[in-house]
Amino acid sequence: PQIQTFYRGYFSPVESTPALLWLLLSLVVYMFCWEWFFRGFLLFGTAQGFGSAVAIILQAALFGAAHAGKPPIEMISSFFGGALLGVLCWREKSFAPAFYAHALIHVAWAILIFRP
């Protein structure tokens, strides 16, 4: 209930199927940009100068900080999720796995939050 209340105030009201579809499409585009920045730009860019371990920790810490103000469980878990996604992306040499995972989570989250 706490998370549902937070996110219902965070997103625009969803009162129709087209509005929900627009929200979901927007979330997918948003997650692409989010993951390109954290796992694409920060992870791979920082690794060139400091190595993969520092890059994974740094991008995870900044990813966690970017979740400040969200519900506590989301804020705390985002550092660990960011580290896990960083390791996955480093192994795969692409930010795409993080994008797919984060977009799927965010879309599922929105559907659960806005269910009747």
PDB file of N, CA and C in Angstrom:
ATOM      1  N   PRO A   1       0.810  -1.219   0.000  1.00  0.00           N
ATOM      2  CA  PRO A   1       0.000   0.000   0.000  1.00  0.00           C
ATOM      3  C   PRO A   1       0.855   1.286   0.000  1.00  0.00           C
ATOM      4  N   GLN A   2       1.965   1.280   0.745  1.00  0.00           N
ATOM      5  CA  GLN A   2       2.829   2.469   0.792  1.00  0.00           C
ATOM      6  C   GLN A   2       3.420   2.753  -0.590  1.00  0.00           C
ATOM      7  N   ILE A   3       3.869   1.719  -1.258  1.00  0.00           N
ATOM      8  CA  ILE A   3       4.466   1.886  -2.585  1.00  0.00           C
ATOM      9  C   ILE A   3       3.404   2.298  -3.596  1.00  0.00           C
ATOM     10  N   GLN A   4       2.225   1.678  -3.509  1.00  0.00           N
ATOM     11  CA  GLN A   4       1.147   2.044  -4.422  1.00  0.00           C
ATOM     12  C   GLN A   4       0.768   3.513  -4.244  1.00  0.00           C
ATOM     13  N   THR A   5       0.664   3.965  -3.013  1.00  0.00           N
ATOM     14  CA  THR A   5       0.327   5.353  -2.735  1.00  0.00           C
ATOM     15  C   THR A   5       1.395   6.298  -3.283  1.00  0.00           C
ATOM     16  N   PHE A   6       2.659   5.953  -3.063  1.00  0.00           N
ATOM     17  CA  PHE A   6       3.750   6.797  -3.545  1.00  0.00           C
ATOM     18  C   PHE A   6       3.703   6.935  -5.061  1.00  0.00           C
ATOM     19  N   TYR A   7       3.609   5.816  -5.761  1.00  0.00           N
ATOM     20  CA  TYR A   7       3.685   5.855  -7.222  1.00  0.00           C
ATOM     21  C   TYR A   7       2.413   6.366  -7.878  1.00  0.00           C
ATOM     22  N   ARG A   8       1.274   6.212  -7.245  1.00  0.00           N
ATOM     23  CA  ARG A   8       0.062   6.809  -7.820  1.00  0.00           C
ATOM     24  C   ARG A   8       0.169   8.323  -7.811  1.00  0.00           C
ATOM     25  N   GLY A   9       0.888   8.876  -6.840  1.00  0.00           N
ATOM     26  CA  GLY A   9       1.137  10.312  -6.818  1.00  0.00           C
ATOM     27  C   GLY A   9       2.293  10.721  -7.709  1.00  0.00           C
ATOM     28  N   TYR A  10       3.173   9.802  -8.004  1.00  0.00           N
ATOM     29  CA  TYR A  10       4.380  10.050  -8.799  1.00  0.00           C
ATOM     30  C   TYR A  10       4.067  10.121 -10.287  1.00  0.00           C
ATOM     31  N   PHE A  11       3.180   9.229 -10.746  1.00  0.00           N
ATOM     32  CA  PHE A  11       2.792   9.189 -12.157  1.00  0.00           C
ATOM     33  C   PHE A  11       1.530  10.006 -12.386  1.00  0.00           C
ATOM     34  N   SER A  12       1.298  10.389 -13.623  1.00  0.00           N
ATOM     35  CA  SER A  12       0.045  11.034 -13.994  1.00  0.00           C
ATOM     36  C   SER A  12      -1.081  10.029 -13.822  1.00  0.00           C
ATOM     37  N   PRO A  13      -2.286  10.510 -13.565  1.00  0.00           N
ATOM     38  CA  PRO A  13      -3.416   9.577 -13.432  1.00  0.00           C
ATOM     39  C   PRO A  13      -3.610   8.753 -14.705  1.00  0.00           C
ATOM     40  N   VAL A  14      -3.929   7.505 -14.517  1.00  0.00           N
ATOM     41  CA  VAL A  14      -4.175   6.599 -15.642  1.00  0.00           C
ATOM     42  C   VAL A  14      -5.641   6.197 -15.562  1.00  0.00           C
ATOM     43  N   GLU A  15      -6.417   6.719 -16.524  1.00  0.00           N
ATOM     44  CA  GLU A  15      -7.865   6.504 -16.466  1.00  0.00           C
ATOM     45  C   GLU A  15      -8.410   5.736 -17.660  1.00  0.00           C
ATOM     46  N   SER A  16      -7.511   5.327 -18.573  1.00  0.00           N
ATOM     47  CA  SER A  16      -7.973   4.592 -19.752  1.00  0.00           C
ATOM     48  C   SER A  16      -6.850   3.673 -20.234  1.00  0.00           C
ATOM     49  N   THR A  17      -7.216   2.749 -21.094  1.00  0.00           N
ATOM     50  CA  THR A  17      -6.225   1.846 -21.671  1.00  0.00           C
ATOM     51  C   THR A  17      -5.195   2.596 -22.507  1.00  0.00           C
ATOM     52  N   PRO A  18      -5.594   3.544 -23.364  1.00  0.00           N
ATOM     53  CA  PRO A  18      -4.571   4.288 -24.109  1.00  0.00           C
ATOM     54  C   PRO A  18      -3.613   5.061 -23.191  1.00  0.00           C
ATOM     55  N   ALA A  19      -4.124   5.594 -22.095  1.00  0.00           N
ATOM     56  CA  ALA A  19      -3.259   6.312 -21.150  1.00  0.00           C
ATOM     57  C   ALA A  19      -2.264   5.353 -20.507  1.00  0.00           C
ATOM     58  N   LEU A  20      -2.720   4.139 -20.180  1.00  0.00           N
ATOM     59  CA  LEU A  20      -1.817   3.142 -19.599  1.00  0.00           C
ATOM     60  C   LEU A  20      -0.759   2.721 -20.616  1.00  0.00           C
ATOM     61  N   LEU A  21      -1.167   2.506 -21.857  1.00  0.00           N
ATOM     62  CA  LEU A  21      -0.211   2.119 -22.895  1.00  0.00           C
ATOM     63  C   LEU A  21       0.822   3.221 -23.125  1.00  0.00           C
ATOM     64  N   TRP A  22       0.391   4.477 -23.116  1.00  0.00           N
ATOM     65  CA  TRP A  22       1.315   5.600 -23.270  1.00  0.00           C
ATOM     66  C   TRP A  22       2.299   5.649 -22.094  1.00  0.00           C
ATOM     67  N   LEU A  23       1.790   5.430 -20.892  1.00  0.00           N
ATOM     68  CA  LEU A  23       2.660   5.396 -19.714  1.00  0.00           C
ATOM     69  C   LEU A  23       3.688   4.279 -19.853  1.00  0.00           C
ATOM     70  N   LEU A  24       3.265   3.096 -20.250  1.00  0.00           N
ATOM     71  CA  LEU A  24       4.182   1.962 -20.377  1.00  0.00           C
ATOM     72  C   LEU A  24       5.236   2.219 -21.449  1.00  0.00           C
ATOM     73  N   LEU A  25       4.840   2.773 -22.585  1.00  0.00           N
ATOM     74  CA  LEU A  25       5.802   3.117 -23.634  1.00  0.00           C
ATOM     75  C   LEU A  25       6.793   4.168 -23.126  1.00  0.00           C
ATOM     76  N   SER A  26       6.291   5.156 -22.422  1.00  0.00           N
ATOM     77  CA  SER A  26       7.160   6.191 -21.853  1.00  0.00           C
ATOM     78  C   SER A  26       8.158   5.597 -20.862  1.00  0.00           C
ATOM     79  N   LEU A  27       7.699   4.644 -20.065  1.00  0.00           N
ATOM     80  CA  LEU A  27       8.593   4.002 -19.098  1.00  0.00           C
ATOM     81  C   LEU A  27       9.703   3.227 -19.794  1.00  0.00           C
ATOM     82  N   VAL A  28       9.380   2.560 -20.894  1.00  0.00           N
ATOM     83  CA  VAL A  28      10.390   1.805 -21.634  1.00  0.00           C
ATOM     84  C   VAL A  28      11.448   2.752 -22.202  1.00  0.00           C
ATOM     85  N   VAL A  29      11.022   3.865 -22.785  1.00  0.00           N
ATOM     86  CA  VAL A  29      11.975   4.848 -23.313  1.00  0.00           C
ATOM     87  C   VAL A  29      12.805   5.434 -22.172  1.00  0.00           C
ATOM     88  N   TYR A  30      12.160   5.756 -21.064  1.00  0.00           N
ATOM     89  CA  TYR A  30      12.845   6.300 -19.888  1.00  0.00           C
ATOM     90  C   TYR A  30      13.898   5.319 -19.368  1.00  0.00           C
ATOM     91  N   MET A  31      13.540   4.034 -19.296  1.00  0.00           N
ATOM     92  CA  MET A  31      14.492   3.031 -18.805  1.00  0.00           C
ATOM     93  C   MET A  31      15.663   2.855 -19.772  1.00  0.00           C
ATOM     94  N   PHE A  32      15.417   3.014 -21.062  1.00  0.00           N
ATOM     95  CA  PHE A  32      16.513   2.951 -22.025  1.00  0.00           C
ATOM     96  C   PHE A  32      17.531   4.052 -21.719  1.00  0.00           C
ATOM     97  N   CYS A  33      17.039   5.257 -21.529  1.00  0.00           N
ATOM     98  CA  CYS A  33      17.934   6.398 -21.235  1.00  0.00           C
ATOM     99  C   CYS A  33      18.638   6.207 -19.893  1.00  0.00           C
ATOM    100  N   TRP A  34      17.906   5.776 -18.905  1.00  0.00           N
ATOM    101  CA  TRP A  34      18.441   5.533 -17.561  1.00  0.00           C
ATOM    102  C   TRP A  34      19.571   4.513 -17.611  1.00  0.00           C
ATOM    103  N   GLU A  35      19.341   3.390 -18.273  1.00  0.00           N
ATOM    104  CA  GLU A  35      20.349   2.336 -18.336  1.00  0.00           C
ATOM    105  C   GLU A  35      21.512   2.699 -19.247  1.00  0.00           C
ATOM    106  N   TRP A  36      21.232   3.427 -20.320  1.00  0.00           N
ATOM    107  CA  TRP A  36      22.346   3.884 -21.151  1.00  0.00           C
ATOM    108  C   TRP A  36      23.281   4.747 -20.319  1.00  0.00           C
ATOM    109  N   PHE A  37      22.733   5.622 -19.487  1.00  0.00           N
ATOM    110  CA  PHE A  37      23.570   6.492 -18.669  1.00  0.00           C
ATOM    111  C   PHE A  37      24.338   5.703 -17.606  1.00  0.00           C
ATOM    112  N   PHE A  38      23.632   4.932 -16.764  1.00  0.00           N
ATOM    113  CA  PHE A  38      24.288   4.254 -15.644  1.00  0.00           C
ATOM    114  C   PHE A  38      25.165   3.087 -16.085  1.00  0.00           C
ATOM    115  N   ARG A  39      24.626   2.179 -16.886  1.00  0.00           N
ATOM    116  CA  ARG A  39      25.388   0.995 -17.263  1.00  0.00           C
ATOM    117  C   ARG A  39      26.183   1.200 -18.537  1.00  0.00           C
ATOM    118  N   GLY A  40      25.715   2.013 -19.446  1.00  0.00           N
ATOM    119  CA  GLY A  40      26.459   2.263 -20.680  1.00  0.00           C
ATOM    120  C   GLY A  40      27.558   3.290 -20.481  1.00  0.00           C
ATOM    121  N   PHE A  41      27.181   4.503 -20.181  1.00  0.00           N
ATOM    122  CA  PHE A  41      28.132   5.604 -20.068  1.00  0.00           C
ATOM    123  C   PHE A  41      29.001   5.503 -18.813  1.00  0.00           C
ATOM    124  N   LEU A  42      28.377   5.430 -17.634  1.00  0.00           N
ATOM    125  CA  LEU A  42      29.165   5.411 -16.393  1.00  0.00           C
ATOM    126  C   LEU A  42      29.993   4.137 -16.234  1.00  0.00           C
ATOM    127  N   LEU A  43      29.370   3.004 -16.398  1.00  0.00           N
ATOM    128  CA  LEU A  43      30.080   1.740 -16.181  1.00  0.00           C
ATOM    129  C   LEU A  43      31.251   1.589 -17.140  1.00  0.00           C
ATOM    130  N   PHE A  44      30.977   1.648 -18.412  1.00  0.00           N
ATOM    131  CA  PHE A  44      32.044   1.397 -19.382  1.00  0.00           C
ATOM    132  C   PHE A  44      33.020   2.561 -19.480  1.00  0.00           C
ATOM    133  N   GLY A  45      32.532   3.778 -19.300  1.00  0.00           N
ATOM    134  CA  GLY A  45      33.422   4.932 -19.329  1.00  0.00           C
ATOM    135  C   GLY A  45      34.363   4.975 -18.138  1.00  0.00           C
ATOM    136  N   THR A  46      33.830   4.732 -16.944  1.00  0.00           N
ATOM    137  CA  THR A  46      34.649   4.744 -15.730  1.00  0.00           C
ATOM    138  C   THR A  46      35.632   3.583 -15.711  1.00  0.00           C
ATOM    139  N   ALA A  47      35.223   2.452 -16.227  1.00  0.00           N
ATOM    140  CA  ALA A  47      36.096   1.272 -16.242  1.00  0.00           C
ATOM    141  C   ALA A  47      37.363   1.508 -17.047  1.00  0.00           C
ATOM    142  N   GLN A  48      37.292   2.359 -18.057  1.00  0.00           N
ATOM    143  CA  GLN A  48      38.477   2.638 -18.873  1.00  0.00           C
ATOM    144  C   GLN A  48      39.587   3.282 -18.052  1.00  0.00           C
ATOM    145  N   GLY A  49      39.219   4.079 -17.062  1.00  0.00           N
ATOM    146  CA  GLY A  49      40.234   4.757 -16.262  1.00  0.00           C
ATOM    147  C   GLY A  49      40.520   4.114 -14.923  1.00  0.00           C
ATOM    148  N   PHE A  50      39.517   3.426 -14.344  1.00  0.00           N
ATOM    149  CA  PHE A  50      39.666   2.926 -12.978  1.00  0.00           C
ATOM    150  C   PHE A  50      39.521   1.419 -12.833  1.00  0.00           C
ATOM    151  N   GLY A  51      39.143   0.744 -13.888  1.00  0.00           N
ATOM    152  CA  GLY A  51      38.945  -0.698 -13.811  1.00  0.00           C
ATOM    153  C   GLY A  51      37.493  -1.053 -13.540  1.00  0.00           C
ATOM    154  N   SER A  52      37.159  -2.300 -13.801  1.00  0.00           N
ATOM    155  CA  SER A  52      35.760  -2.726 -13.725  1.00  0.00           C
ATOM    156  C   SER A  52      35.206  -2.734 -12.312  1.00  0.00           C
ATOM    157  N   ALA A  53      35.988  -3.136 -11.322  1.00  0.00           N
ATOM    158  CA  ALA A  53      35.471  -3.212  -9.943  1.00  0.00           C
ATOM    159  C   ALA A  53      35.068  -1.832  -9.433  1.00  0.00           C
ATOM    160  N   VAL A  54      35.919  -0.843  -9.624  1.00  0.00           N
ATOM    161  CA  VAL A  54      35.599   0.521  -9.192  1.00  0.00           C
ATOM    162  C   VAL A  54      34.395   1.040  -9.974  1.00  0.00           C
ATOM    163  N   ALA A  55      34.360   0.777 -11.261  1.00  0.00           N
ATOM    164  CA  ALA A  55      33.261   1.249 -12.104  1.00  0.00           C
ATOM    165  C   ALA A  55      31.934   0.647 -11.663  1.00  0.00           C
ATOM    166  N   ILE A  56      31.913  -0.624 -11.330  1.00  0.00           N
ATOM    167  CA  ILE A  56      30.683  -1.284 -10.884  1.00  0.00           C
ATOM    168  C   ILE A  56      30.207  -0.676  -9.576  1.00  0.00           C
ATOM    169  N   ILE A  57      31.112  -0.480  -8.636  1.00  0.00           N
ATOM    170  CA  ILE A  57      30.733   0.094  -7.343  1.00  0.00           C
ATOM    171  C   ILE A  57      30.274   1.545  -7.501  1.00  0.00           C
ATOM    172  N   LEU A  58      30.997   2.317  -8.290  1.00  0.00           N
ATOM    173  CA  LEU A  58      30.647   3.724  -8.483  1.00  0.00           C
ATOM    174  C   LEU A  58      29.278   3.877  -9.137  1.00  0.00           C
ATOM    175  N   GLN A  59      29.030   3.156 -10.210  1.00  0.00           N
ATOM    176  CA  GLN A  59      27.739   3.311 -10.870  1.00  0.00           C
ATOM    177  C   GLN A  59      26.610   2.794  -9.983  1.00  0.00           C
ATOM    178  N   ALA A  60      26.869   1.763  -9.183  1.00  0.00           N
ATOM    179  CA  ALA A  60      25.846   1.256  -8.260  1.00  0.00           C
ATOM    180  C   ALA A  60      25.546   2.278  -7.166  1.00  0.00           C
ATOM    181  N   ALA A  61      26.584   2.935  -6.651  1.00  0.00           N
ATOM    182  CA  ALA A  61      26.384   3.953  -5.615  1.00  0.00           C
ATOM    183  C   ALA A  61      25.588   5.137  -6.165  1.00  0.00           C
ATOM    184  N   LEU A  62      25.927   5.579  -7.361  1.00  0.00           N
ATOM    185  CA  LEU A  62      25.194   6.691  -7.960  1.00  0.00           C
ATOM    186  C   LEU A  62      23.769   6.285  -8.328  1.00  0.00           C
ATOM    187  N   PHE A  63      23.606   5.051  -8.763  1.00  0.00           N
ATOM    188  CA  PHE A  63      22.275   4.519  -9.061  1.00  0.00           C
ATOM    189  C   PHE A  63      21.431   4.500  -7.784  1.00  0.00           C
ATOM    190  N   GLY A  64      22.024   4.055  -6.683  1.00  0.00           N
ATOM    191  CA  GLY A  64      21.323   4.067  -5.401  1.00  0.00           C
ATOM    192  C   GLY A  64      20.960   5.482  -4.983  1.00  0.00           C
ATOM    193  N   ALA A  65      21.894   6.414  -5.135  1.00  0.00           N
ATOM    194  CA  ALA A  65      21.636   7.810  -4.769  1.00  0.00           C
ATOM    195  C   ALA A  65      20.523   8.408  -5.629  1.00  0.00           C
ATOM    196  N   ALA A  66      20.421   7.976  -6.863  1.00  0.00           N
ATOM    197  CA  ALA A  66      19.371   8.481  -7.755  1.00  0.00           C
ATOM    198  C   ALA A  66      17.980   8.037  -7.299  1.00  0.00           C
ATOM    199  N   HIS A  67      17.915   7.042  -6.434  1.00  0.00           N
ATOM    200  CA  HIS A  67      16.640   6.562  -5.903  1.00  0.00           C
ATOM    201  C   HIS A  67      16.286   7.210  -4.565  1.00  0.00           C
ATOM    202  N   ALA A  68      17.039   8.214  -4.145  1.00  0.00           N
ATOM    203  CA  ALA A  68      16.741   8.915  -2.891  1.00  0.00           C
ATOM    204  C   ALA A  68      15.333   9.502  -2.956  1.00  0.00           C
ATOM    205  N   GLY A  69      14.609   9.368  -1.874  1.00  0.00           N
ATOM    206  CA  GLY A  69      13.253   9.882  -1.810  1.00  0.00           C
ATOM    207  C   GLY A  69      12.190   8.886  -2.218  1.00  0.00           C
ATOM    208  N   LYS A  70      12.609   7.747  -2.746  1.00  0.00           N
ATOM    209  CA  LYS A  70      11.654   6.697  -3.115  1.00  0.00           C
ATOM    210  C   LYS A  70      11.315   5.896  -1.847  1.00  0.00           C
ATOM    211  N   PRO A  71      10.352   4.985  -1.906  1.00  0.00           N
ATOM    212  CA  PRO A  71      10.060   4.139  -0.743  1.00  0.00           C
ATOM    213  C   PRO A  71      11.332   3.436  -0.259  1.00  0.00           C
ATOM    214  N   PRO A  72      11.501   3.287   1.057  1.00  0.00           N
ATOM    215  CA  PRO A  72      12.753   2.762   1.619  1.00  0.00           C
ATOM    216  C   PRO A  72      13.233   1.438   1.023  1.00  0.00           C
ATOM    217  N   ILE A  73      12.359   0.491   0.785  1.00  0.00           N
ATOM    218  CA  ILE A  73      12.795  -0.804   0.243  1.00  0.00           C
ATOM    219  C   ILE A  73      13.384  -0.625  -1.147  1.00  0.00           C
ATOM    220  N   GLU A  74      12.813   0.260  -1.944  1.00  0.00           N
ATOM    221  CA  GLU A  74      13.333   0.507  -3.284  1.00  0.00           C
ATOM    222  C   GLU A  74      14.670   1.236  -3.217  1.00  0.00           C
ATOM    223  N   MET A  75      14.755   2.212  -2.336  1.00  0.00           N
ATOM    224  CA  MET A  75      15.978   3.001  -2.225  1.00  0.00           C
ATOM    225  C   MET A  75      17.154   2.125  -1.776  1.00  0.00           C
ATOM    226  N   ILE A  76      16.925   1.282  -0.789  1.00  0.00           N
ATOM    227  CA  ILE A  76      17.995   0.432  -0.261  1.00  0.00           C
ATOM    228  C   ILE A  76      18.394  -0.635  -1.274  1.00  0.00           C
ATOM    229  N   SER A  77      17.416  -1.271  -1.886  1.00  0.00           N
ATOM    230  CA  SER A  77      17.717  -2.368  -2.810  1.00  0.00           C
ATOM    231  C   SER A  77      18.326  -1.889  -4.115  1.00  0.00           C
ATOM    232  N   SER A  78      18.188  -0.606  -4.429  1.00  0.00           N
ATOM    233  CA  SER A  78      18.693  -0.115  -5.713  1.00  0.00           C
ATOM    234  C   SER A  78      20.220  -0.175  -5.804  1.00  0.00           C
ATOM    235  N   PHE A  79      20.926  -0.002  -4.692  1.00  0.00           N
ATOM    236  CA  PHE A  79      22.389  -0.133  -4.748  1.00  0.00           C
ATOM    237  C   PHE A  79      22.771  -1.563  -5.124  1.00  0.00           C
ATOM    238  N   PHE A  80      22.159  -2.532  -4.457  1.00  0.00           N
ATOM    239  CA  PHE A  80      22.479  -3.934  -4.731  1.00  0.00           C
ATOM    240  C   PHE A  80      22.026  -4.346  -6.130  1.00  0.00           C
ATOM    241  N   GLY A  81      20.852  -3.868  -6.538  1.00  0.00           N
ATOM    242  CA  GLY A  81      20.390  -4.135  -7.894  1.00  0.00           C
ATOM    243  C   GLY A  81      21.303  -3.497  -8.929  1.00  0.00           C
ATOM    244  N   GLY A  82      21.765  -2.282  -8.644  1.00  0.00           N
ATOM    245  CA  GLY A  82      22.687  -1.601  -9.546  1.00  0.00           C
ATOM    246  C   GLY A  82      24.008  -2.340  -9.678  1.00  0.00           C
ATOM    247  N   ALA A  83      24.495  -2.875  -8.560  1.00  0.00           N
ATOM    248  CA  ALA A  83      25.744  -3.648  -8.601  1.00  0.00           C
ATOM    249  C   ALA A  83      25.544  -4.929  -9.408  1.00  0.00           C
ATOM    250  N   LEU A  84      24.439  -5.613  -9.185  1.00  0.00           N
ATOM    251  CA  LEU A  84      24.146  -6.845  -9.924  1.00  0.00           C
ATOM    252  C   LEU A  84      24.015  -6.556 -11.420  1.00  0.00           C
ATOM    253  N   LEU A  85      23.285  -5.496 -11.760  1.00  0.00           N
ATOM    254  CA  LEU A  85      23.159  -5.133 -13.170  1.00  0.00           C
ATOM    255  C   LEU A  85      24.499  -4.716 -13.757  1.00  0.00           C
ATOM    256  N   GLY A  86      25.329  -4.051 -12.957  1.00  0.00           N
ATOM    257  CA  GLY A  86      26.658  -3.661 -13.425  1.00  0.00           C
ATOM    258  C   GLY A  86      27.517  -4.866 -13.759  1.00  0.00           C
ATOM    259  N   VAL A  87      27.501  -5.859 -12.887  1.00  0.00           N
ATOM    260  CA  VAL A  87      28.266  -7.083 -13.136  1.00  0.00           C
ATOM    261  C   VAL A  87      27.738  -7.785 -14.390  1.00  0.00           C
ATOM    262  N   LEU A  88      26.434  -7.894 -14.500  1.00  0.00           N
ATOM    263  CA  LEU A  88      25.828  -8.542 -15.663  1.00  0.00           C
ATOM    264  C   LEU A  88      26.214  -7.826 -16.957  1.00  0.00           C
ATOM    265  N   CYS A  89      26.109  -6.506 -16.948  1.00  0.00           N
ATOM    266  CA  CYS A  89      26.441  -5.738 -18.157  1.00  0.00           C
ATOM    267  C   CYS A  89      27.929  -5.822 -18.480  1.00  0.00           C
ATOM    268  N   TRP A  90      28.754  -5.841 -17.444  1.00  0.00           N
ATOM    269  CA  TRP A  90      30.194  -5.953 -17.689  1.00  0.00           C
ATOM    270  C   TRP A  90      30.509  -7.303 -18.336  1.00  0.00           C
ATOM    271  N   ARG A  91      29.903  -8.354 -17.819  1.00  0.00           N
ATOM    272  CA  ARG A  91      30.133  -9.695 -18.389  1.00  0.00           C
ATOM    273  C   ARG A  91      29.640  -9.785 -19.823  1.00  0.00           C
ATOM    274  N   GLU A  92      28.517  -9.138 -20.116  1.00  0.00           N
ATOM    275  CA  GLU A  92      27.921  -9.207 -21.452  1.00  0.00           C
ATOM    276  C   GLU A  92      28.462  -8.129 -22.385  1.00  0.00           C
ATOM    277  N   LYS A  93      29.237  -7.183 -21.853  1.00  0.00           N
ATOM    278  CA  LYS A  93      29.803  -6.076 -22.634  1.00  0.00           C
ATOM    279  C   LYS A  93      28.729  -5.239 -23.334  1.00  0.00           C
ATOM    280  N   SER A  94      27.601  -5.042 -22.633  1.00  0.00           N
ATOM    281  CA  SER A  94      26.495  -4.280 -23.190  1.00  0.00           C
ATOM    282  C   SER A  94      25.579  -3.824 -22.058  1.00  0.00           C
ATOM    283  N   PHE A  95      24.950  -2.685 -22.228  1.00  0.00           N
ATOM    284  CA  PHE A  95      23.978  -2.239 -21.240  1.00  0.00           C
ATOM    285  C   PHE A  95      22.592  -2.826 -21.515  1.00  0.00           C
ATOM    286  N   ALA A  96      22.434  -3.533 -22.610  1.00  0.00           N
ATOM    287  CA  ALA A  96      21.128  -4.083 -23.002  1.00  0.00           C
ATOM    288  C   ALA A  96      20.503  -4.997 -21.946  1.00  0.00           C
ATOM    289  N   PRO A  97      21.251  -5.915 -21.293  1.00  0.00           N
ATOM    290  CA  PRO A  97      20.593  -6.755 -20.285  1.00  0.00           C
ATOM    291  C   PRO A  97      19.976  -5.942 -19.146  1.00  0.00           C
ATOM    292  N   ALA A  98      20.637  -4.872 -18.730  1.00  0.00           N
ATOM    293  CA  ALA A  98      20.092  -4.026 -17.674  1.00  0.00           C
ATOM    294  C   ALA A  98      18.852  -3.289 -18.165  1.00  0.00           C
ATOM    295  N   PHE A  99      18.897  -2.836 -19.406  1.00  0.00           N
ATOM    296  CA  PHE A  99      17.721  -2.169 -19.973  1.00  0.00           C
ATOM    297  C   PHE A  99      16.530  -3.116 -19.982  1.00  0.00           C
ATOM    298  N   TYR A 100      16.711  -4.328 -20.484  1.00  0.00           N
ATOM    299  CA  TYR A 100      15.599  -5.282 -20.546  1.00  0.00           C
ATOM    300  C   TYR A 100      15.058  -5.582 -19.150  1.00  0.00           C
ATOM    301  N   ALA A 101      15.944  -5.830 -18.207  1.00  0.00           N
ATOM    302  CA  ALA A 101      15.512  -6.152 -16.839  1.00  0.00           C
ATOM    303  C   ALA A 101      14.802  -4.971 -16.195  1.00  0.00           C
ATOM    304  N   HIS A 102      15.396  -3.785 -16.271  1.00  0.00           N
ATOM    305  CA  HIS A 102      14.832  -2.608 -15.621  1.00  0.00           C
ATOM    306  C   HIS A 102      13.511  -2.213 -16.275  1.00  0.00           C
ATOM    307  N   ALA A 103      13.426  -2.290 -17.600  1.00  0.00           N
ATOM    308  CA  ALA A 103      12.176  -1.963 -18.288  1.00  0.00           C
ATOM    309  C   ALA A 103      11.076  -2.951 -17.897  1.00  0.00           C
ATOM    310  N   LEU A 104      11.403  -4.232 -17.846  1.00  0.00           N
ATOM    311  CA  LEU A 104      10.418  -5.242 -17.458  1.00  0.00           C
ATOM    312  C   LEU A 104       9.925  -5.001 -16.029  1.00  0.00           C
ATOM    313  N   ILE A 105      10.836  -4.723 -15.127  1.00  0.00           N
ATOM    314  CA  ILE A 105      10.463  -4.456 -13.733  1.00  0.00           C
ATOM    315  C   ILE A 105       9.575  -3.219 -13.657  1.00  0.00           C
ATOM    316  N   HIS A 106       9.962  -2.155 -14.349  1.00  0.00           N
ATOM    317  CA  HIS A 106       9.204  -0.902 -14.275  1.00  0.00           C
ATOM    318  C   HIS A 106       7.813  -1.049 -14.895  1.00  0.00           C
ATOM    319  N   VAL A 107       7.714  -1.754 -16.004  1.00  0.00           N
ATOM    320  CA  VAL A 107       6.414  -1.965 -16.640  1.00  0.00           C
ATOM    321  C   VAL A 107       5.523  -2.825 -15.735  1.00  0.00           C
ATOM    322  N   ALA A 108       6.070  -3.906 -15.185  1.00  0.00           N
ATOM    323  CA  ALA A 108       5.296  -4.751 -14.269  1.00  0.00           C
ATOM    324  C   ALA A 108       4.849  -3.954 -13.054  1.00  0.00           C
ATOM    325  N   TRP A 109       5.751  -3.123 -12.544  1.00  0.00           N
ATOM    326  CA  TRP A 109       5.465  -2.274 -11.387  1.00  0.00           C
ATOM    327  C   TRP A 109       4.275  -1.364 -11.691  1.00  0.00           C
ATOM    328  N   ALA A 110       4.310  -0.705 -12.839  1.00  0.00           N
ATOM    329  CA  ALA A 110       3.243   0.227 -13.218  1.00  0.00           C
ATOM    330  C   ALA A 110       1.906  -0.505 -13.372  1.00  0.00           C
ATOM    331  N   ILE A 111       1.927  -1.676 -13.971  1.00  0.00           N
ATOM    332  CA  ILE A 111       0.700  -2.441 -14.144  1.00  0.00           C
ATOM    333  C   ILE A 111       0.123  -2.828 -12.780  1.00  0.00           C
ATOM    334  N   LEU A 112       0.977  -3.260 -11.863  1.00  0.00           N
ATOM    335  CA  LEU A 112       0.506  -3.621 -10.520  1.00  0.00           C
ATOM    336  C   LEU A 112      -0.003  -2.418  -9.748  1.00  0.00           C
ATOM    337  N   ILE A 113       0.633  -1.285  -9.919  1.00  0.00           N
ATOM    338  CA  ILE A 113       0.232  -0.078  -9.193  1.00  0.00           C
ATOM    339  C   ILE A 113      -1.114   0.440  -9.690  1.00  0.00           C
ATOM    340  N   PHE A 114      -1.338   0.368 -10.987  1.00  0.00           N
ATOM    341  CA  PHE A 114      -2.552   0.943 -11.545  1.00  0.00           C
ATOM    342  C   PHE A 114      -3.664  -0.074 -11.778  1.00  0.00           C
ATOM    343  N   ARG A 115      -3.485  -1.284 -11.277  1.00  0.00           N
ATOM    344  CA  ARG A 115      -4.578  -2.245 -11.403  1.00  0.00           C
ATOM    345  C   ARG A 115      -5.756  -1.741 -10.561  1.00  0.00           C
ATOM    346  N   PRO A 116      -6.968  -2.080 -10.978  1.00  0.00           N
ATOM    347  CA  PRO A 116      -8.162  -1.583 -10.241  1.00  0.00           C
ATOM    348  C   PRO A 116      -8.257  -2.140  -8.849  1.00  0.00           C
TER     349      PRO A 116
END
